[in-house]
Amino acid sequence: MYYTAESYVKDFMDGIIARNPGENEFHQAVREVVTSLAPYIVAHPYLIDRKIMERIAEPERVIIFRVPWIDDEGNVQINRGFRVQMNSAIGPYKGGIRFHASVNLSIMKFLAFEQTFKNSLTTLPMGGAKGGSDFNPRGKSDDEVMKFCQSFMTELFRHIGKDTDVPAGDIGVGGREIGYLFGQYKRLRDEWGGVLTGKGLGWGGSPLRPEATGYGLCYFTSEMLATRGDSFEGKTVLVSGSGNVAQHATEKATQLGGKVVTMSDSNGFIYDPDGIDAEKLAYVKELKNVYRGRIREYVEKYPTATYYPDQRPWCIKCDIALPCATQNEINEEEAKMLIANGCTCVAEGANMPSEPGAIAVFQEAGILYSPGKASNAGGVATSGLEMTQNSMRLKWTPEEVDAQLHRIMKDIHEACVKYGKDENGNVNYVNGANIAGFIKVADAMMAQGLV
């Protein structure tokens, strides 16, 4: 059958939606990728004959399980756990675990699908996966979090391993949760292995792992800016979120000469026109990581800042926007506000934070725009470096890890430019990232036969 790019996308998406009804986030992620890949796939008909894209979009394995635990009042609680093992063509499954009330199968599949391309871009041998639970650690005691993590791992341990599937942290899963998960895995398997990344430095963790996603985002953004003879120096930067990625993106953007003026959480955002410097960021880290407070408390400590409840920061004038919170946090109208207020660069630190309409606005305006699978790949890249260190039973210095991270982000940028540059010399980073990630996975799948 002869396909145009448009007819291929239509037929492909009709099949995806029919097979995966109601999974809107998954449909959105697949549509974004297949739309940019369609011209390449149509030009290489063997990819259609072997149904490579259909196989990439179908998980190799989906595990859904019950997670029972007892809270501090002695009440029985039940949550649902997930692990979507999407693709292992180029290496063991690799991808984070997310604990958040919004977690469902659609979100897990979209994240695992994105992770497959992101991991391919890092140049490291890692397949794609994602997991998590609708458990919300906010407001829970340490004992409750420990009990939940132990119950969660009591099922998950059967499906993971250092050469099979190596999870990491994600939203709601930080050093505390990784510790509890790792301890239970070790207890059940009676072995010490690098089965989880994001571990503590004293027991197998890698230097710079907590910083890696935010730092890598800024390294990638610097490469983008350099294509237009620009840099972070003197730029006003909007950051959304106040978790791990947002904290370290703020830190590195400031070190590179930018002035970060916003951070947020699910209740609203703060705007500090004086900039969130190292001292203020240290307060945010303590507030969020130790006391697990809300970002509105920032204005009590720094009253020259303003808190905007139930809003997102994209109405503030800026040069650079780094969305680092969660999926679909920039809609079409907010994208137009960013452009109208002078934003010239949007680089995603979160996974799929821009809705399709927002992406269209960015691309039509001709600004620098990078999808998360490219610009936030520093976290999983450094997880891969942690796996290497665990396998070799050694630990690199922070300087060695930072140099590796910087090199990987530069290599990802070069791959995006190679496959995304058009005849006018402009770079479509969406196309570049998707094609570069796809080719490596597709070649491996072709070589390994119909499995």
Protein backbone atom coordinates (compact mmCIF):
# COMPACT_ATOMS: atom_id res chain seq x y z
CA MET A 1 0.00 0.00 0.00
CA TYR A 2 1.28 3.46 -0.91
CA TYR A 3 1.36 5.94 1.95
CA THR A 4 1.84 9.65 2.17
CA ALA A 5 3.13 10.92 5.51
CA GLU A 6 -0.36 12.18 6.35
CA SER A 7 -2.16 8.95 5.47
CA TYR A 8 0.42 6.90 7.37
CA VAL A 9 -0.13 9.00 10.52
CA LYS A 10 -3.91 8.69 10.20
CA ASP A 11 -3.91 4.92 9.75
CA PHE A 12 -1.32 4.43 12.48
CA MET A 13 -3.14 6.59 15.03
CA ASP A 14 -6.50 5.01 14.20
CA GLY A 15 -4.95 1.69 15.17
CA ILE A 16 -3.32 3.03 18.33
CA ILE A 17 -6.55 4.63 19.57
CA ALA A 18 -8.61 1.52 18.79
CA ARG A 19 -6.15 -0.72 20.67
CA ASN A 20 -5.66 1.65 23.61
CA PRO A 21 -9.04 3.35 24.23
CA GLY A 22 -9.17 6.22 26.70
CA GLU A 23 -5.38 6.52 27.09
CA ASN A 24 -5.18 10.17 26.11
CA GLU A 25 -1.66 10.90 27.35
CA PHE A 26 -0.35 7.83 25.52
CA HIS A 27 -2.17 8.85 22.33
CA GLN A 28 -0.67 12.36 22.59
CA ALA A 29 2.88 11.10 23.03
CA VAL A 30 2.64 8.60 20.17
CA ARG A 31 1.04 11.12 17.81
CA GLU A 32 3.80 13.65 18.43
CA VAL A 33 6.49 11.08 17.65
CA VAL A 34 4.86 9.39 14.67
CA THR A 35 3.96 12.71 13.04
CA SER A 36 7.60 13.77 13.01
CA LEU A 37 8.80 10.30 11.98
CA ALA A 38 6.26 9.74 9.20
CA PRO A 39 8.28 11.28 6.31
CA TYR A 40 11.31 9.17 7.28
CA ILE A 41 9.24 5.98 7.67
CA VAL A 42 7.39 6.48 4.37
CA ALA A 43 10.74 6.99 2.64
CA HIS A 44 11.92 3.61 4.03
CA PRO A 45 9.06 1.18 3.24
CA TYR A 46 10.77 -1.79 4.90
CA LEU A 47 10.00 -0.11 8.24
CA ILE A 48 6.30 -0.24 7.34
CA ASP A 49 6.51 -3.85 6.12
CA ARG A 50 8.16 -4.99 9.37
CA LYS A 51 5.76 -2.86 11.46
CA ILE A 52 8.65 -1.38 13.45
CA MET A 53 6.68 1.60 14.73
CA GLU A 54 3.71 -0.58 15.70
CA ARG A 55 6.06 -2.79 17.70
CA ILE A 56 7.75 0.17 19.41
CA ALA A 57 4.32 1.49 20.46
CA GLU A 58 3.27 -1.87 21.95
CA PRO A 59 4.88 -2.58 25.35
CA GLU A 60 6.87 -5.77 25.61
CA ARG A 61 5.33 -6.27 29.04
CA VAL A 62 2.92 -4.44 31.36
CA ILE A 63 2.76 -5.35 35.05
CA ILE A 64 -0.12 -4.04 37.19
CA PHE A 65 -0.36 -5.08 40.82
CA ARG A 66 -2.02 -4.40 44.16
CA VAL A 67 -0.02 -2.60 46.87
CA PRO A 68 -1.56 -3.10 50.36
CA TRP A 69 -0.07 -1.31 53.38
CA ILE A 70 -1.03 -0.12 56.88
CA ASP A 71 -0.97 3.57 57.85
CA ASP A 72 0.06 5.00 61.22
CA GLU A 73 -3.52 4.73 62.54
CA GLY A 74 -3.61 1.03 61.77
CA ASN A 75 -5.90 1.39 58.75
CA VAL A 76 -5.44 -0.81 55.70
CA GLN A 77 -4.70 1.16 52.53
CA ILE A 78 -4.69 -0.13 48.95
CA ASN A 79 -2.86 1.42 46.01
CA ARG A 80 -2.13 0.24 42.50
CA GLY A 81 1.38 -0.36 41.19
CA PHE A 82 2.62 -0.32 37.58
CA ARG A 83 5.69 -1.24 35.58
CA VAL A 84 5.59 -0.78 31.80
CA GLN A 85 8.57 -2.47 30.13
CA MET A 86 8.36 -0.86 26.72
CA ASN A 87 11.43 -1.82 24.70
CA SER A 88 14.66 -3.71 25.41
CA ALA A 89 16.20 -3.71 21.94
CA ILE A 90 19.31 -1.73 22.89
CA GLY A 91 19.70 -2.67 26.56
CA PRO A 92 17.96 -3.56 29.83
CA TYR A 93 14.80 -1.63 30.61
CA LYS A 94 15.55 1.71 32.26
CA GLY A 95 13.17 4.36 33.56
CA GLY A 96 11.89 6.00 36.70
CA ILE A 97 9.30 5.15 39.31
CA ARG A 98 6.68 7.85 40.00
CA PHE A 99 4.54 8.10 43.14
CA HIS A 100 1.70 10.55 42.51
CA ALA A 101 -2.09 10.53 42.73
CA SER A 102 -2.36 11.10 38.97
CA VAL A 103 -0.53 7.89 38.01
CA ASN A 104 -2.51 5.60 35.71
CA LEU A 105 -1.78 3.19 32.88
CA SER A 106 -1.97 5.87 30.17
CA ILE A 107 0.61 8.06 31.89
CA MET A 108 2.90 5.10 32.55
CA LYS A 109 2.74 4.04 28.88
CA PHE A 110 3.37 7.54 27.58
CA LEU A 111 6.39 7.92 29.86
CA ALA A 112 7.78 4.49 28.93
CA PHE A 113 7.30 5.25 25.22
CA GLU A 114 9.13 8.58 25.57
CA GLN A 115 11.83 6.90 27.66
CA THR A 116 12.65 4.50 24.82
CA PHE A 117 13.64 7.38 22.54
CA LYS A 118 15.31 9.38 25.29
CA ASN A 119 17.50 6.47 26.36
CA SER A 120 18.45 5.81 22.77
CA LEU A 121 19.57 9.42 22.41
CA THR A 122 21.99 9.15 25.35
CA THR A 123 24.16 6.73 23.31
CA LEU A 124 24.17 4.38 26.35
CA PRO A 125 22.85 0.77 26.15
CA MET A 126 19.48 1.24 27.86
CA GLY A 127 15.96 0.25 26.87
CA GLY A 128 12.80 2.09 27.87
CA ALA A 129 10.46 1.54 30.84
CA LYS A 130 8.47 3.42 33.48
CA GLY A 131 6.68 2.53 36.66
CA GLY A 132 4.97 3.91 39.70
CA SER A 133 1.85 4.06 41.80
CA ASP A 134 -1.10 6.31 42.58
CA PHE A 135 0.31 6.56 46.13
CA ASN A 136 0.96 10.17 47.16
CA PRO A 137 3.86 10.52 49.64
CA ARG A 138 2.89 14.11 50.50
CA GLY A 139 1.71 14.31 54.10
CA LYS A 140 2.79 10.75 54.89
CA SER A 141 5.16 9.93 57.73
CA ASP A 142 8.53 8.30 57.08
CA ASP A 143 7.15 5.05 58.51
CA GLU A 144 4.16 5.14 56.16
CA VAL A 145 6.39 5.80 53.15
CA MET A 146 8.66 2.93 54.22
CA LYS A 147 5.73 0.51 54.62
CA PHE A 148 4.37 1.45 51.22
CA CYS A 149 7.77 1.14 49.50
CA GLN A 150 8.38 -2.26 51.06
CA SER A 151 4.98 -3.53 49.90
CA PHE A 152 5.51 -2.06 46.43
CA MET A 153 8.92 -3.73 46.07
CA THR A 154 7.61 -7.06 47.41
CA GLU A 155 5.80 -7.42 44.09
CA LEU A 156 8.09 -5.45 41.79
CA PHE A 157 11.27 -7.37 42.73
CA ARG A 158 10.13 -10.35 40.61
CA HIS A 159 10.29 -8.28 37.44
CA ILE A 160 13.51 -6.23 37.78
CA GLY A 161 17.25 -6.88 38.04
CA LYS A 162 20.59 -5.27 37.21
CA ASP A 163 20.62 -6.88 33.74
CA THR A 164 16.83 -6.92 33.23
CA ASP A 165 15.22 -3.67 34.39
CA VAL A 166 16.86 -0.92 36.44
CA PRO A 167 14.36 1.63 37.82
CA ALA A 168 15.24 5.08 39.12
CA GLY A 169 13.38 7.87 40.89
CA ASP A 170 10.84 10.24 39.38
CA ILE A 171 8.15 12.55 40.79
CA GLY A 172 7.51 11.60 44.42
CA VAL A 173 10.46 9.19 44.54
CA GLY A 174 13.62 10.75 45.92
CA GLY A 175 16.54 9.50 47.98
CA ARG A 176 14.33 8.42 50.89
CA GLU A 177 12.08 6.28 48.70
CA ILE A 178 14.97 4.79 46.71
CA GLY A 179 16.59 3.77 50.00
CA TYR A 180 13.50 1.97 51.23
CA LEU A 181 12.95 0.29 47.85
CA PHE A 182 16.57 -0.82 47.59
CA GLY A 183 16.63 -2.17 51.13
CA GLN A 184 13.57 -4.32 50.51
CA TYR A 185 14.94 -5.59 47.18
CA LYS A 186 18.22 -6.56 48.86
CA ARG A 187 16.32 -8.31 51.64
CA LEU A 188 14.14 -10.31 49.24
CA ARG A 189 16.87 -11.27 46.76
CA ASP A 190 19.72 -11.66 49.25
CA GLU A 191 22.05 -9.84 46.91
CA TRP A 192 23.62 -6.42 46.52
CA GLY A 193 23.37 -5.23 42.92
CA GLY A 194 22.90 -2.05 40.97
CA VAL A 195 19.20 -2.70 40.49
CA LEU A 196 18.11 0.86 41.32
CA THR A 197 19.78 4.15 40.49
CA GLY A 198 19.62 7.32 42.51
CA LYS A 199 21.08 5.51 45.53
CA GLY A 200 22.92 7.30 48.33
CA LEU A 201 26.58 8.11 47.73
CA GLY A 202 27.65 5.80 50.55
CA TRP A 203 25.95 2.74 49.08
CA GLY A 204 26.43 2.71 45.34
CA GLY A 205 25.10 6.07 44.20
CA SER A 206 26.80 8.29 41.67
CA PRO A 207 28.01 11.81 42.30
CA LEU A 208 25.80 14.38 40.53
CA ARG A 209 22.85 12.02 40.08
CA PRO A 210 20.42 14.34 41.90
CA GLU A 211 21.69 17.31 39.90
CA ALA A 212 21.90 15.56 36.54
CA THR A 213 18.51 16.25 34.95
CA GLY A 214 18.53 19.96 35.81
CA TYR A 215 22.21 20.42 34.97
CA GLY A 216 21.86 18.48 31.73
CA LEU A 217 18.85 20.59 30.77
CA CYS A 218 20.93 23.74 31.09
CA TYR A 219 23.89 22.23 29.20
CA PHE A 220 21.55 21.31 26.34
CA THR A 221 19.92 24.75 26.42
CA SER A 222 23.37 26.34 26.24
CA GLU A 223 24.10 24.33 23.09
CA MET A 224 20.80 25.48 21.57
CA LEU A 225 21.50 29.11 22.41
CA ALA A 226 25.01 28.84 20.97
CA THR A 227 23.56 28.00 17.53
CA ARG A 228 22.32 31.60 17.51
CA GLY A 229 25.41 33.09 19.10
CA ASP A 230 23.69 33.43 22.48
CA SER A 231 24.00 32.17 26.07
CA PHE A 232 22.35 32.30 29.51
CA GLU A 233 24.36 35.38 30.44
CA GLY A 234 22.04 38.22 31.47
CA LYS A 235 18.86 36.32 30.58
CA THR A 236 15.65 36.22 32.62
CA VAL A 237 14.61 32.60 33.12
CA LEU A 238 11.26 31.08 34.13
CA VAL A 239 11.38 27.70 35.87
CA SER A 240 8.27 25.74 36.78
CA GLY A 241 8.23 23.15 39.51
CA SER A 242 10.22 23.12 42.74
CA GLY A 243 11.32 19.52 42.92
CA ASN A 244 14.64 17.95 42.02
CA VAL A 245 14.74 18.96 38.34
CA ALA A 246 13.57 22.52 38.96
CA GLN A 247 15.98 23.03 41.85
CA HIS A 248 19.05 22.01 39.89
CA ALA A 249 17.97 23.73 36.68
CA THR A 250 17.67 26.91 38.75
CA GLU A 251 21.10 26.29 40.25
CA LYS A 252 22.89 25.68 36.95
CA ALA A 253 21.06 28.44 35.04
CA THR A 254 22.18 30.88 37.74
CA GLN A 255 25.77 29.60 37.57
CA LEU A 256 25.68 30.15 33.80
CA GLY A 257 24.70 33.80 34.24
CA GLY A 258 20.91 33.67 34.05
CA LYS A 259 18.43 35.13 36.56
CA VAL A 260 15.70 32.66 37.53
CA VAL A 261 12.62 34.53 38.75
CA THR A 262 9.94 31.84 39.21
CA MET A 263 9.35 28.42 40.78
CA SER A 264 6.06 26.63 41.36
CA ASP A 265 4.19 23.67 42.73
CA SER A 266 0.70 22.30 42.14
CA ASN A 267 -0.90 25.11 44.17
CA GLY A 268 0.67 28.13 42.43
CA PHE A 269 3.93 29.93 41.65
CA ILE A 270 6.23 32.53 43.17
CA TYR A 271 7.73 35.45 41.24
CA ASP A 272 10.90 36.99 42.64
CA PRO A 273 12.03 39.88 40.40
CA ASP A 274 15.38 40.01 42.22
CA GLY A 275 16.18 36.46 41.17
CA ILE A 276 16.41 33.18 43.09
CA ASP A 277 20.10 33.22 44.04
CA ALA A 278 22.10 30.51 45.82
CA GLU A 279 20.92 31.54 49.29
CA LYS A 280 17.24 31.60 48.29
CA LEU A 281 17.58 28.30 46.44
CA ALA A 282 19.10 26.71 49.55
CA TYR A 283 15.93 27.72 51.39
CA VAL A 284 13.75 26.18 48.65
CA LYS A 285 15.72 22.93 48.85
CA GLU A 286 15.25 22.78 52.62
CA LEU A 287 11.57 23.70 52.31
CA LYS A 288 10.80 21.05 49.69
CA ASN A 289 13.30 18.28 50.45
CA VAL A 290 13.36 18.35 54.27
CA TYR A 291 10.13 19.95 55.47
CA ARG A 292 8.13 19.00 52.36
CA GLY A 293 6.38 22.36 52.47
CA ARG A 294 4.61 24.43 49.81
CA ILE A 295 6.23 27.03 47.58
CA ARG A 296 3.90 29.77 48.90
CA GLU A 297 6.02 29.76 52.10
CA TYR A 298 8.83 31.34 50.06
CA VAL A 299 7.14 34.77 50.21
CA GLU A 300 7.05 34.60 54.02
CA LYS A 301 10.83 34.27 54.01
CA TYR A 302 11.38 36.70 51.10
CA PRO A 303 8.51 39.24 51.15
CA THR A 304 9.68 41.12 48.03
CA ALA A 305 8.49 38.07 46.06
CA THR A 306 4.84 37.56 45.06
CA TYR A 307 2.81 34.36 45.26
CA TYR A 308 0.22 33.62 42.55
CA PRO A 309 -2.18 30.90 43.74
CA ASP A 310 -3.65 28.43 41.26
CA GLN A 311 -1.60 29.85 38.37
CA ARG A 312 1.40 28.84 36.29
CA PRO A 313 4.36 31.13 35.65
CA TRP A 314 4.10 31.51 31.88
CA CYS A 315 2.55 35.00 32.11
CA ILE A 316 5.83 36.50 33.38
CA LYS A 317 8.15 38.28 30.95
CA CYS A 318 11.28 36.24 30.21
CA ASP A 319 13.97 35.28 27.71
CA ILE A 320 14.12 31.54 28.47
CA ALA A 321 11.45 29.15 29.81
CA LEU A 322 12.36 25.82 31.44
CA PRO A 323 9.19 23.83 32.26
CA CYS A 324 10.27 21.34 34.93
CA ALA A 325 7.03 20.30 36.65
CA THR A 326 4.84 17.75 34.85
CA GLN A 327 3.08 16.85 31.61
CA ASN A 328 0.79 19.32 29.79
CA GLU A 329 1.67 22.36 31.89
CA ILE A 330 1.89 24.79 28.93
CA ASN A 331 -1.19 25.17 26.77
CA GLU A 332 -1.59 27.07 23.51
CA GLU A 333 -2.66 30.35 25.15
CA GLU A 334 0.23 30.22 27.60
CA ALA A 335 2.63 29.57 24.72
CA LYS A 336 1.30 32.68 22.98
CA MET A 337 1.86 34.66 26.20
CA LEU A 338 5.46 33.47 26.34
CA ILE A 339 6.08 34.55 22.75
CA ALA A 340 4.34 37.91 23.26
CA ASN A 341 6.49 38.56 26.34
CA GLY A 342 9.74 38.03 24.45
CA CYS A 343 10.63 34.41 25.17
CA THR A 344 13.11 33.11 22.59
CA CYS A 345 13.90 29.65 23.98
CA VAL A 346 11.82 26.88 25.59
CA ALA A 347 13.63 23.74 26.74
CA GLU A 348 11.70 21.01 28.50
CA GLY A 349 12.94 19.64 31.81
CA ALA A 350 9.72 17.69 32.45
CA ASN A 351 8.25 14.95 30.25
CA MET A 352 5.81 16.30 27.63
CA PRO A 353 5.06 19.57 29.49
CA SER A 354 3.92 21.34 26.30
CA GLU A 355 0.54 20.53 24.79
CA PRO A 356 0.49 19.99 20.98
CA GLY A 357 -1.00 23.45 20.42
CA ALA A 358 1.79 25.03 22.43
CA ILE A 359 4.45 23.22 20.42
CA ALA A 360 2.85 24.46 17.20
CA VAL A 361 3.00 28.04 18.53
CA PHE A 362 6.68 27.72 19.40
CA GLN A 363 7.61 26.24 16.05
CA GLU A 364 5.55 28.74 14.07
CA ALA A 365 7.24 31.59 15.94
CA GLY A 366 10.66 30.16 15.03
CA ILE A 367 11.99 30.19 18.58
CA LEU A 368 14.36 27.56 19.97
CA TYR A 369 12.25 24.69 21.30
CA SER A 370 13.43 21.32 22.59
CA PRO A 371 11.29 18.32 23.63
CA GLY A 372 12.00 16.67 26.95
CA LYS A 373 13.27 13.45 25.42
CA ALA A 374 16.34 15.43 24.30
CA SER A 375 16.82 18.21 26.83
CA ASN A 376 15.99 16.30 30.02
CA ALA A 377 17.93 13.14 29.14
CA GLY A 378 20.76 14.06 31.52
CA GLY A 379 19.05 12.32 34.43
CA VAL A 380 18.76 8.92 32.81
CA ALA A 381 22.20 9.36 31.23
CA THR A 382 23.74 9.76 34.68
CA SER A 383 21.67 6.82 35.91
CA GLY A 384 23.40 4.89 33.14
CA LEU A 385 26.74 6.13 34.45
CA GLU A 386 25.71 4.93 37.93
CA MET A 387 24.96 1.50 36.46
CA THR A 388 28.44 1.46 34.94
CA GLN A 389 30.07 2.39 38.24
CA ASN A 390 28.09 -0.32 40.07
CA SER A 391 29.11 -2.95 37.51
CA MET A 392 32.77 -1.94 37.85
CA ARG A 393 32.56 -1.63 41.66
CA LEU A 394 34.03 1.86 41.68
CA LYS A 395 32.96 5.48 42.04
CA TRP A 396 33.96 8.38 39.79
CA THR A 397 34.58 11.89 41.07
CA PRO A 398 31.92 14.59 40.62
CA GLU A 399 34.18 16.24 38.06
CA GLU A 400 34.42 13.03 36.02
CA VAL A 401 30.64 12.52 36.07
CA ASP A 402 29.99 16.17 35.17
CA ALA A 403 32.37 15.93 32.23
CA GLN A 404 30.61 12.76 31.01
CA LEU A 405 27.20 14.41 31.44
CA HIS A 406 28.30 17.53 29.55
CA ARG A 407 29.66 15.37 26.72
CA ILE A 408 26.47 13.30 26.49
CA MET A 409 24.24 16.38 26.33
CA LYS A 410 26.48 17.85 23.62
CA ASP A 411 26.28 14.56 21.67
CA ILE A 412 22.47 14.54 21.97
CA HIS A 413 22.37 18.11 20.66
CA GLU A 414 24.58 17.19 17.72
CA ALA A 415 22.30 14.24 16.88
CA CYS A 416 19.26 16.53 16.97
CA VAL A 417 20.99 18.99 14.64
CA LYS A 418 22.07 16.20 12.28
CA TYR A 419 18.55 14.84 11.79
CA GLY A 420 16.56 18.02 12.45
CA LYS A 421 18.24 20.71 10.32
CA ASP A 422 16.21 21.85 7.34
CA GLU A 423 17.36 23.31 4.01
CA ASN A 424 17.36 26.81 5.52
CA GLY A 425 19.69 25.79 8.34
CA ASN A 426 16.99 25.91 11.04
CA VAL A 427 16.84 23.02 13.51
CA ASN A 428 13.57 21.27 14.32
CA TYR A 429 14.60 19.64 17.59
CA VAL A 430 11.41 17.55 17.76
CA ASN A 431 12.15 15.88 14.43
CA GLY A 432 15.85 15.61 15.19
CA ALA A 433 15.34 13.93 18.56
CA ASN A 434 12.66 11.55 17.34
CA ILE A 435 14.51 10.44 14.21
CA ALA A 436 17.88 10.03 15.96
CA GLY A 437 16.31 8.00 18.78
CA PHE A 438 14.18 5.93 16.42
CA ILE A 439 16.95 4.89 14.03
CA LYS A 440 19.05 3.25 16.74
CA VAL A 441 16.10 1.32 18.20
CA ALA A 442 14.73 0.35 14.78
CA ASP A 443 18.09 -0.96 13.57
CA ALA A 444 18.47 -3.10 16.70
CA MET A 445 14.95 -4.48 16.33
CA MET A 446 15.56 -5.36 12.68
CA ALA A 447 18.79 -7.14 13.59
CA GLN A 448 17.17 -9.18 16.38
CA GLY A 449 14.27 -10.52 14.33
CA LEU A 450 10.57 -10.65 15.09
CA VAL A 451 10.63 -10.70 18.90
